[in-house]
Amino acid sequence: MNLYILRHGIAVERGTPGFTLDSQRPLTSEGRRKLRRISRALQQLDLSFDVILSSPFTRARQTAEIVAANLNLNKKLKFTEALTPATSRVRLIKEINSIRPSPNDVLLVGHEPSLSELISLLLCGDADCTILLKKGGLCKLSVERRLIAGQCACLECLLTPRQLVRMV
């Protein structure tokens, strides 16, 4: 399985008037603009996904919707609480493993530090490995067998948003 991990784009700052809950913070206009370019880069890389799983938080949902629309994958987009910041990484792993038929290419869209902790868990077996996944950054892991909460993945690439945007 190829596991692609995308951090949401640039969102309005915490404490911005009108957005009392963290889960309600939307992407900024710059965030939306960069994500459209990033999704074009994903298209140029000829990426497609069997399923796109996203946090339901507004900024992640908007990120996933932009990518899904630009890749014509709207029907493959699903929202899950397992990608919200407070949810256990093990719950997310179980959810991915339960997808039938088993997918070859999965895109996860979520938040920090949860995504970096997931990457670390899959690469090193614990969440102590320091990974920097910038807003709009993309990581690709390859997994030989089923996902487990341990060393089961190989890092194939870790791209910054700047690198992705330069591909377009």
N, C-alpha and C. Protein backbone atom coordinates (compact mmCIF):
# COMPACT_ATOMS: atom_id res chain seq x y z
N MET A 1 0.84 -1.18 0.00
CA MET A 1 0.00 0.00 0.00
C MET A 1 0.89 1.24 0.00
N ASN A 2 0.47 2.24 -0.74
CA ASN A 2 1.10 3.55 -0.71
C ASN A 2 0.22 4.46 0.13
N LEU A 3 0.81 5.01 1.17
CA LEU A 3 0.08 5.88 2.10
C LEU A 3 0.62 7.29 1.92
N TYR A 4 -0.23 8.17 1.41
CA TYR A 4 0.13 9.57 1.21
C TYR A 4 -0.49 10.38 2.35
N ILE A 5 0.30 11.27 2.92
CA ILE A 5 -0.16 12.04 4.08
C ILE A 5 0.02 13.51 3.75
N LEU A 6 -1.09 14.24 3.74
CA LEU A 6 -1.10 15.66 3.36
C LEU A 6 -1.62 16.48 4.54
N ARG A 7 -0.82 17.44 4.96
CA ARG A 7 -1.28 18.35 6.01
C ARG A 7 -2.15 19.42 5.37
N HIS A 8 -3.19 19.84 6.09
CA HIS A 8 -4.08 20.89 5.57
C HIS A 8 -3.29 22.14 5.22
N GLY A 9 -3.89 22.98 4.40
CA GLY A 9 -3.25 24.21 3.97
C GLY A 9 -3.31 25.30 5.03
N ILE A 10 -2.85 26.48 4.66
CA ILE A 10 -2.79 27.63 5.57
C ILE A 10 -4.21 28.02 5.97
N ALA A 11 -4.44 28.08 7.27
CA ALA A 11 -5.77 28.41 7.81
C ALA A 11 -5.71 29.71 8.59
N VAL A 12 -6.88 30.28 8.87
CA VAL A 12 -6.92 31.48 9.70
C VAL A 12 -6.36 31.14 11.08
N GLU A 13 -5.75 32.11 11.70
CA GLU A 13 -5.09 31.91 12.99
C GLU A 13 -6.11 31.62 14.10
N ARG A 14 -5.66 30.89 15.09
CA ARG A 14 -6.49 30.68 16.28
C ARG A 14 -6.81 32.03 16.90
N GLY A 15 -8.02 32.13 17.42
CA GLY A 15 -8.43 33.38 18.06
C GLY A 15 -8.99 34.41 17.10
N THR A 16 -9.02 34.09 15.80
CA THR A 16 -9.60 35.02 14.83
C THR A 16 -11.08 35.19 15.14
N PRO A 17 -11.55 36.45 15.25
CA PRO A 17 -12.98 36.67 15.52
C PRO A 17 -13.87 35.94 14.52
N GLY A 18 -14.93 35.33 15.05
CA GLY A 18 -15.88 34.61 14.21
C GLY A 18 -15.63 33.12 14.16
N PHE A 19 -14.48 32.68 14.68
CA PHE A 19 -14.13 31.26 14.67
C PHE A 19 -13.75 30.86 16.09
N THR A 20 -14.77 30.62 16.91
CA THR A 20 -14.52 30.33 18.32
C THR A 20 -13.96 28.93 18.54
N LEU A 21 -14.34 27.98 17.70
CA LEU A 21 -13.85 26.61 17.83
C LEU A 21 -12.71 26.37 16.85
N ASP A 22 -11.68 25.67 17.31
CA ASP A 22 -10.55 25.32 16.45
C ASP A 22 -11.03 24.56 15.22
N SER A 23 -12.02 23.71 15.39
CA SER A 23 -12.51 22.88 14.29
C SER A 23 -13.17 23.69 13.18
N GLN A 24 -13.51 24.95 13.46
CA GLN A 24 -14.21 25.79 12.48
C GLN A 24 -13.27 26.64 11.64
N ARG A 25 -11.99 26.67 11.97
CA ARG A 25 -11.07 27.56 11.25
C ARG A 25 -10.92 27.13 9.79
N PRO A 26 -11.25 28.03 8.84
CA PRO A 26 -11.15 27.68 7.41
C PRO A 26 -9.77 28.02 6.85
N LEU A 27 -9.55 27.59 5.62
CA LEU A 27 -8.35 27.98 4.90
C LEU A 27 -8.43 29.47 4.57
N THR A 28 -7.27 30.10 4.50
CA THR A 28 -7.21 31.48 4.02
C THR A 28 -7.28 31.46 2.50
N SER A 29 -7.44 32.62 1.89
CA SER A 29 -7.45 32.67 0.42
C SER A 29 -6.09 32.21 -0.12
N GLU A 30 -5.00 32.58 0.59
CA GLU A 30 -3.67 32.11 0.18
C GLU A 30 -3.58 30.59 0.31
N GLY A 31 -4.15 30.05 1.38
CA GLY A 31 -4.15 28.60 1.59
C GLY A 31 -4.88 27.87 0.47
N ARG A 32 -6.03 28.39 0.07
CA ARG A 32 -6.80 27.77 -1.02
C ARG A 32 -6.02 27.86 -2.34
N ARG A 33 -5.42 29.02 -2.58
CA ARG A 33 -4.66 29.23 -3.83
C ARG A 33 -3.48 28.25 -3.90
N LYS A 34 -2.72 28.13 -2.81
CA LYS A 34 -1.58 27.21 -2.79
C LYS A 34 -2.03 25.76 -2.96
N LEU A 35 -3.15 25.41 -2.35
CA LEU A 35 -3.62 24.03 -2.46
C LEU A 35 -4.07 23.69 -3.87
N ARG A 36 -4.62 24.65 -4.57
CA ARG A 36 -4.97 24.39 -5.97
C ARG A 36 -3.70 24.09 -6.77
N ARG A 37 -2.63 24.81 -6.50
CA ARG A 37 -1.35 24.55 -7.18
C ARG A 37 -0.76 23.22 -6.75
N ILE A 38 -0.86 22.91 -5.47
CA ILE A 38 -0.35 21.63 -4.97
C ILE A 38 -1.13 20.48 -5.60
N SER A 39 -2.43 20.63 -5.73
CA SER A 39 -3.22 19.56 -6.33
C SER A 39 -2.89 19.40 -7.81
N ARG A 40 -2.52 20.48 -8.49
CA ARG A 40 -2.07 20.37 -9.88
C ARG A 40 -0.74 19.61 -9.93
N ALA A 41 0.11 19.83 -8.94
CA ALA A 41 1.38 19.08 -8.87
C ALA A 41 1.10 17.59 -8.66
N LEU A 42 0.13 17.27 -7.82
CA LEU A 42 -0.24 15.86 -7.61
C LEU A 42 -0.74 15.26 -8.91
N GLN A 43 -1.47 16.05 -9.67
CA GLN A 43 -1.95 15.60 -10.97
C GLN A 43 -0.79 15.36 -11.93
N GLN A 44 0.19 16.26 -11.94
CA GLN A 44 1.36 16.10 -12.81
C GLN A 44 2.19 14.90 -12.41
N LEU A 45 2.17 14.55 -11.12
CA LEU A 45 2.86 13.36 -10.65
C LEU A 45 2.07 12.09 -10.98
N ASP A 46 0.91 12.28 -11.62
CA ASP A 46 0.02 11.19 -12.03
C ASP A 46 -0.46 10.38 -10.82
N LEU A 47 -0.74 11.08 -9.72
CA LEU A 47 -1.23 10.40 -8.53
C LEU A 47 -2.75 10.27 -8.59
N SER A 48 -3.20 9.15 -8.12
CA SER A 48 -4.62 8.90 -7.95
C SER A 48 -4.76 8.08 -6.68
N PHE A 49 -5.93 8.13 -6.08
CA PHE A 49 -6.12 7.46 -4.80
C PHE A 49 -7.37 6.61 -4.83
N ASP A 50 -7.28 5.44 -4.20
CA ASP A 50 -8.44 4.58 -4.07
C ASP A 50 -9.42 5.15 -3.06
N VAL A 51 -8.88 5.84 -2.08
CA VAL A 51 -9.70 6.49 -1.06
C VAL A 51 -8.94 7.70 -0.53
N ILE A 52 -9.70 8.76 -0.22
CA ILE A 52 -9.16 9.94 0.45
C ILE A 52 -9.89 10.04 1.78
N LEU A 53 -9.15 9.94 2.86
CA LEU A 53 -9.71 10.09 4.20
C LEU A 53 -9.27 11.43 4.75
N SER A 54 -10.22 12.18 5.29
CA SER A 54 -9.92 13.51 5.80
C SER A 54 -10.54 13.74 7.16
N SER A 55 -9.88 14.55 7.94
CA SER A 55 -10.48 15.09 9.16
C SER A 55 -11.69 15.91 8.75
N PRO A 56 -12.75 15.92 9.57
CA PRO A 56 -13.91 16.74 9.25
C PRO A 56 -13.73 18.22 9.64
N PHE A 57 -12.63 18.57 10.32
CA PHE A 57 -12.39 19.96 10.68
C PHE A 57 -12.35 20.78 9.39
N THR A 58 -12.88 21.98 9.44
CA THR A 58 -13.09 22.80 8.23
C THR A 58 -11.85 22.91 7.35
N ARG A 59 -10.70 23.25 7.91
CA ARG A 59 -9.50 23.47 7.09
C ARG A 59 -9.03 22.20 6.40
N ALA A 60 -9.14 21.05 7.08
CA ALA A 60 -8.76 19.78 6.47
C ALA A 60 -9.80 19.37 5.42
N ARG A 61 -11.07 19.55 5.76
CA ARG A 61 -12.14 19.22 4.81
C ARG A 61 -11.97 20.02 3.52
N GLN A 62 -11.71 21.33 3.65
CA GLN A 62 -11.52 22.17 2.47
C GLN A 62 -10.31 21.73 1.66
N THR A 63 -9.23 21.37 2.35
CA THR A 63 -8.03 20.87 1.68
C THR A 63 -8.35 19.62 0.87
N ALA A 64 -9.01 18.65 1.51
CA ALA A 64 -9.36 17.39 0.85
C ALA A 64 -10.31 17.63 -0.33
N GLU A 65 -11.24 18.54 -0.16
CA GLU A 65 -12.19 18.82 -1.24
C GLU A 65 -11.50 19.44 -2.45
N ILE A 66 -10.54 20.32 -2.22
CA ILE A 66 -9.79 20.93 -3.33
C ILE A 66 -9.02 19.85 -4.09
N VAL A 67 -8.32 19.00 -3.35
CA VAL A 67 -7.53 17.93 -3.99
C VAL A 67 -8.45 16.96 -4.72
N ALA A 68 -9.52 16.53 -4.07
CA ALA A 68 -10.46 15.57 -4.70
C ALA A 68 -11.07 16.16 -5.97
N ALA A 69 -11.47 17.42 -5.92
CA ALA A 69 -12.08 18.05 -7.10
C ALA A 69 -11.08 18.14 -8.25
N ASN A 70 -9.85 18.55 -7.96
CA ASN A 70 -8.85 18.71 -9.02
C ASN A 70 -8.39 17.38 -9.60
N LEU A 71 -8.51 16.30 -8.83
CA LEU A 71 -8.11 14.98 -9.32
C LEU A 71 -9.32 14.15 -9.77
N ASN A 72 -10.50 14.77 -9.79
CA ASN A 72 -11.75 14.09 -10.15
C ASN A 72 -12.00 12.85 -9.29
N LEU A 73 -11.80 13.00 -7.97
CA LEU A 73 -11.96 11.89 -7.04
C LEU A 73 -12.99 12.21 -5.95
N ASN A 74 -13.95 13.07 -6.24
CA ASN A 74 -14.94 13.46 -5.23
C ASN A 74 -15.66 12.27 -4.62
N LYS A 75 -15.92 11.25 -5.40
CA LYS A 75 -16.65 10.08 -4.89
C LYS A 75 -15.80 9.21 -3.97
N LYS A 76 -14.50 9.45 -3.95
CA LYS A 76 -13.60 8.64 -3.11
C LYS A 76 -13.25 9.33 -1.80
N LEU A 77 -13.84 10.51 -1.57
CA LEU A 77 -13.56 11.31 -0.38
C LEU A 77 -14.49 10.92 0.77
N LYS A 78 -13.87 10.63 1.92
CA LYS A 78 -14.62 10.28 3.13
C LYS A 78 -14.04 11.05 4.30
N PHE A 79 -14.91 11.41 5.23
CA PHE A 79 -14.48 12.14 6.42
C PHE A 79 -14.52 11.22 7.63
N THR A 80 -13.51 11.34 8.48
CA THR A 80 -13.43 10.47 9.64
C THR A 80 -12.91 11.20 10.87
N GLU A 81 -13.52 10.94 11.98
CA GLU A 81 -13.07 11.50 13.26
C GLU A 81 -11.69 10.96 13.62
N ALA A 82 -11.29 9.84 13.01
CA ALA A 82 -9.99 9.23 13.31
C ALA A 82 -8.83 10.13 12.88
N LEU A 83 -9.09 11.16 12.09
CA LEU A 83 -8.03 12.08 11.68
C LEU A 83 -8.09 13.43 12.40
N THR A 84 -8.95 13.54 13.41
CA THR A 84 -8.96 14.77 14.21
C THR A 84 -7.77 14.73 15.17
N PRO A 85 -7.31 15.89 15.64
CA PRO A 85 -6.09 15.94 16.44
C PRO A 85 -6.10 15.09 17.72
N ALA A 86 -7.22 14.93 18.37
CA ALA A 86 -7.24 14.25 19.67
C ALA A 86 -7.43 12.73 19.58
N THR A 87 -7.59 12.20 18.37
CA THR A 87 -7.90 10.78 18.23
C THR A 87 -6.64 9.93 18.18
N SER A 88 -6.73 8.74 18.70
CA SER A 88 -5.61 7.79 18.75
C SER A 88 -5.16 7.39 17.35
N ARG A 89 -3.85 7.34 17.14
CA ARG A 89 -3.29 6.90 15.86
C ARG A 89 -3.66 5.44 15.61
N VAL A 90 -3.77 4.65 16.67
CA VAL A 90 -4.13 3.24 16.53
C VAL A 90 -5.53 3.11 15.95
N ARG A 91 -6.45 3.98 16.35
CA ARG A 91 -7.81 3.97 15.80
C ARG A 91 -7.77 4.22 14.29
N LEU A 92 -6.94 5.16 13.86
CA LEU A 92 -6.81 5.46 12.43
C LEU A 92 -6.25 4.27 11.68
N ILE A 93 -5.23 3.63 12.23
CA ILE A 93 -4.63 2.45 11.60
C ILE A 93 -5.68 1.35 11.43
N LYS A 94 -6.48 1.11 12.47
CA LYS A 94 -7.55 0.11 12.38
C LYS A 94 -8.56 0.47 11.30
N GLU A 95 -8.90 1.75 11.22
CA GLU A 95 -9.86 2.18 10.20
C GLU A 95 -9.33 1.97 8.79
N ILE A 96 -8.07 2.29 8.56
CA ILE A 96 -7.47 2.08 7.24
C ILE A 96 -7.45 0.59 6.91
N ASN A 97 -7.06 -0.22 7.87
CA ASN A 97 -7.01 -1.68 7.64
C ASN A 97 -8.38 -2.29 7.38
N SER A 98 -9.44 -1.62 7.82
CA SER A 98 -10.79 -2.18 7.64
C SER A 98 -11.40 -1.85 6.27
N ILE A 99 -10.74 -1.01 5.49
CA ILE A 99 -11.27 -0.62 4.18
C ILE A 99 -11.26 -1.83 3.25
N ARG A 100 -12.41 -2.11 2.64
CA ARG A 100 -12.55 -3.22 1.70
C ARG A 100 -13.13 -2.70 0.40
N PRO A 101 -12.62 -3.14 -0.73
CA PRO A 101 -11.42 -3.96 -0.86
C PRO A 101 -10.20 -3.17 -0.39
N SER A 102 -9.15 -3.88 -0.05
CA SER A 102 -7.93 -3.24 0.44
C SER A 102 -7.39 -2.27 -0.61
N PRO A 103 -7.19 -1.02 -0.23
CA PRO A 103 -6.72 -0.03 -1.20
C PRO A 103 -5.22 -0.13 -1.46
N ASN A 104 -4.82 0.28 -2.65
CA ASN A 104 -3.40 0.37 -2.99
C ASN A 104 -2.84 1.75 -2.67
N ASP A 105 -3.66 2.78 -2.88
CA ASP A 105 -3.21 4.16 -2.69
C ASP A 105 -4.23 4.91 -1.83
N VAL A 106 -3.77 5.39 -0.68
CA VAL A 106 -4.63 6.09 0.27
C VAL A 106 -4.04 7.47 0.54
N LEU A 107 -4.89 8.49 0.52
CA LEU A 107 -4.48 9.83 0.91
C LEU A 107 -5.16 10.17 2.23
N LEU A 108 -4.36 10.60 3.21
CA LEU A 108 -4.86 11.06 4.49
C LEU A 108 -4.67 12.57 4.55
N VAL A 109 -5.69 13.30 5.00
CA VAL A 109 -5.60 14.75 5.14
C VAL A 109 -5.95 15.09 6.58
N GLY A 110 -5.01 15.75 7.26
CA GLY A 110 -5.26 16.05 8.66
C GLY A 110 -4.37 17.15 9.20
N HIS A 111 -3.99 16.98 10.47
CA HIS A 111 -3.40 18.05 11.28
C HIS A 111 -2.09 17.62 11.94
N GLU A 112 -1.36 18.63 12.34
CA GLU A 112 -0.17 18.41 13.16
C GLU A 112 -0.56 18.61 14.63
N PRO A 113 0.08 17.96 15.55
CA PRO A 113 1.20 17.04 15.39
C PRO A 113 0.77 15.60 15.09
N SER A 114 -0.52 15.38 14.93
CA SER A 114 -1.04 14.01 14.74
C SER A 114 -0.42 13.30 13.55
N LEU A 115 -0.30 14.00 12.42
CA LEU A 115 0.22 13.35 11.22
C LEU A 115 1.68 12.96 11.38
N SER A 116 2.48 13.85 11.95
CA SER A 116 3.90 13.52 12.18
C SER A 116 4.04 12.37 13.15
N GLU A 117 3.17 12.33 14.16
CA GLU A 117 3.20 11.22 15.11
C GLU A 117 2.85 9.91 14.42
N LEU A 118 1.89 9.95 13.50
CA LEU A 118 1.52 8.75 12.73
C LEU A 118 2.70 8.30 11.87
N ILE A 119 3.32 9.23 11.17
CA ILE A 119 4.47 8.89 10.33
C ILE A 119 5.57 8.26 11.19
N SER A 120 5.87 8.87 12.31
CA SER A 120 6.89 8.35 13.21
C SER A 120 6.54 6.96 13.71
N LEU A 121 5.30 6.76 14.09
CA LEU A 121 4.84 5.46 14.58
C LEU A 121 5.02 4.38 13.52
N LEU A 122 4.66 4.68 12.29
CA LEU A 122 4.75 3.70 11.21
C LEU A 122 6.19 3.44 10.77
N LEU A 123 7.05 4.46 10.90
CA LEU A 123 8.45 4.30 10.51
C LEU A 123 9.32 3.71 11.62
N CYS A 124 9.12 4.20 12.84
CA CYS A 124 10.04 3.89 13.93
C CYS A 124 9.45 3.06 15.06
N GLY A 125 8.14 2.93 15.09
CA GLY A 125 7.51 2.16 16.15
C GLY A 125 7.09 2.98 17.34
N ASP A 126 7.41 4.27 17.35
CA ASP A 126 6.95 5.16 18.42
C ASP A 126 6.79 6.56 17.84
N ALA A 127 6.28 7.48 18.63
CA ALA A 127 6.00 8.83 18.15
C ALA A 127 7.14 9.79 18.44
N ASP A 128 8.33 9.28 18.77
CA ASP A 128 9.44 10.13 19.18
C ASP A 128 10.32 10.65 18.04
N CYS A 129 10.16 10.10 16.86
CA CYS A 129 10.95 10.54 15.71
C CYS A 129 10.41 11.92 15.28
N THR A 130 11.28 12.90 15.15
CA THR A 130 10.84 14.25 14.80
C THR A 130 10.69 14.37 13.29
N ILE A 131 9.47 14.63 12.86
CA ILE A 131 9.14 14.82 11.44
C ILE A 131 8.52 16.20 11.33
N LEU A 132 8.93 16.98 10.35
CA LEU A 132 8.33 18.29 10.13
C LEU A 132 7.52 18.23 8.84
N LEU A 133 6.21 18.25 9.00
CA LEU A 133 5.29 18.23 7.86
C LEU A 133 4.63 19.61 7.82
N LYS A 134 5.06 20.42 6.87
CA LYS A 134 4.56 21.78 6.78
C LYS A 134 3.12 21.81 6.25
N LYS A 135 2.44 22.94 6.47
CA LYS A 135 1.07 23.10 5.96
C LYS A 135 1.10 22.95 4.45
N GLY A 136 0.35 21.98 3.93
CA GLY A 136 0.35 21.69 2.51
C GLY A 136 1.45 20.74 2.09
N GLY A 137 2.24 20.25 3.06
CA GLY A 137 3.31 19.29 2.76
C GLY A 137 2.77 17.89 2.56
N LEU A 138 3.51 17.08 1.82
CA LEU A 138 3.08 15.73 1.48
C LEU A 138 4.17 14.72 1.82
N CYS A 139 3.76 13.63 2.43
CA CYS A 139 4.66 12.52 2.75
C CYS A 139 4.11 11.27 2.06
N LYS A 140 5.02 10.44 1.55
CA LYS A 140 4.62 9.16 0.98
C LYS A 140 5.35 8.05 1.72
N LEU A 141 4.55 7.11 2.24
CA LEU A 141 5.08 5.92 2.89
C LEU A 141 4.65 4.71 2.08
N SER A 142 5.52 3.72 1.97
CA SER A 142 5.12 2.45 1.37
C SER A 142 5.05 1.42 2.49
N VAL A 143 4.03 0.59 2.40
CA VAL A 143 3.78 -0.43 3.41
C VAL A 143 3.67 -1.77 2.70
N GLU A 144 4.50 -2.72 3.09
CA GLU A 144 4.51 -4.04 2.45
C GLU A 144 3.29 -4.88 2.82
N ARG A 145 2.93 -4.85 4.10
CA ARG A 145 1.80 -5.66 4.57
C ARG A 145 0.75 -4.72 5.15
N ARG A 146 -0.02 -5.22 6.07
CA ARG A 146 -1.01 -4.39 6.75
C ARG A 146 -0.32 -3.35 7.63
N LEU A 147 -1.01 -2.24 7.83
CA LEU A 147 -0.52 -1.24 8.76
C LEU A 147 -0.58 -1.81 10.17
N ILE A 148 0.47 -1.57 10.92
CA ILE A 148 0.49 -1.93 12.34
C ILE A 148 1.09 -0.75 13.10
N ALA A 149 0.85 -0.68 14.38
CA ALA A 149 1.39 0.40 15.21
C ALA A 149 2.83 0.07 15.55
N GLY A 150 3.66 -0.01 14.55
CA GLY A 150 5.07 -0.33 14.73
C GLY A 150 5.80 -0.11 13.43
N GLN A 151 7.01 -0.53 13.37
CA GLN A 151 7.83 -0.31 12.18
C GLN A 151 7.31 -1.15 11.01
N CYS A 152 6.46 -0.54 10.20
CA CYS A 152 5.87 -1.28 9.09
C CYS A 152 5.99 -0.54 7.77
N ALA A 153 6.53 0.67 7.78
CA ALA A 153 6.52 1.50 6.58
C ALA A 153 7.94 1.96 6.22
N CYS A 154 8.06 2.34 4.98
CA CYS A 154 9.32 2.90 4.45
C CYS A 154 9.01 4.30 3.92
N LEU A 155 9.82 5.28 4.29
CA LEU A 155 9.64 6.64 3.80
C LEU A 155 10.11 6.73 2.36
N GLU A 156 9.21 7.11 1.46
CA GLU A 156 9.56 7.26 0.05
C GLU A 156 9.85 8.71 -0.30
N CYS A 157 9.07 9.64 0.27
CA CYS A 157 9.36 11.05 0.04
C CYS A 157 8.66 11.91 1.08
N LEU A 158 9.23 13.08 1.29
CA LEU A 158 8.67 14.09 2.18
C LEU A 158 8.88 15.41 1.47
N LEU A 159 7.80 15.99 0.95
CA LEU A 159 7.88 17.19 0.13
C LEU A 159 7.26 18.38 0.84
N THR A 160 7.92 19.52 0.75
CA THR A 160 7.38 20.75 1.29
C THR A 160 6.37 21.32 0.29
N PRO A 161 5.50 22.21 0.73
CA PRO A 161 4.58 22.85 -0.22
C PRO A 161 5.34 23.61 -1.31
N ARG A 162 6.46 24.23 -0.94
CA ARG A 162 7.25 24.98 -1.92
C ARG A 162 7.74 24.05 -3.02
N GLN A 163 8.22 22.86 -2.65
CA GLN A 163 8.68 21.90 -3.66
C GLN A 163 7.53 21.46 -4.55
N LEU A 164 6.38 21.22 -3.96
CA LEU A 164 5.22 20.79 -4.75
C LEU A 164 4.78 21.88 -5.73
N VAL A 165 4.71 23.12 -5.24
CA VAL A 165 4.27 24.24 -6.08
C VAL A 165 5.24 24.47 -7.24
N ARG A 166 6.52 24.23 -7.02
CA ARG A 166 7.50 24.44 -8.09
C ARG A 166 7.38 23.40 -9.19
N MET A 167 6.66 22.33 -8.94
CA MET A 167 6.47 21.30 -9.96
C MET A 167 5.49 21.71 -11.03
N VAL A 168 4.68 22.72 -10.72
CA VAL A 168 3.61 23.14 -11.63
C VAL A 168 4.14 24.13 -12.64
